[in-house]
Amino acid sequence: MKDIRLIHLEEMEPMAFGVKEMVGTLVAGGILFMIGMYAYVKVGATIDQSNFTAAENATFANIKTNITAGFDLGSVIFIVIAAGTIIGVIWMAFR
């Protein structure tokens, strides 16, 4: 006897499987990503660098570079989520 949950999944349209979840994740992640960038820019703009020494300027530049690289890497997550959903839809369509 089949489990009811498995029967329900087999009766679903393969093309709709996971697409709503992907869209929700991309929208929520995009909003959080924009909020993070906005906060980073606002905080960075309020730091007065006029009295920094050369070492402090180098450290501050290093921190900014690392944070910017982190945001660049964070944007790759959206591509991975979309690719995973596309692969899942193709897998469900041809199984």
Foldseek 3Di string as FASTA:
>chain_A
DDDPVVVVVLPDDLQPPCPVVLVVVLVVLVVVLVVVVVVVVVVVVPDDCPPPDPVRVVVVVVVVVVVVVVSVVSVVVNVVSVVVSVVSSVVSVPD
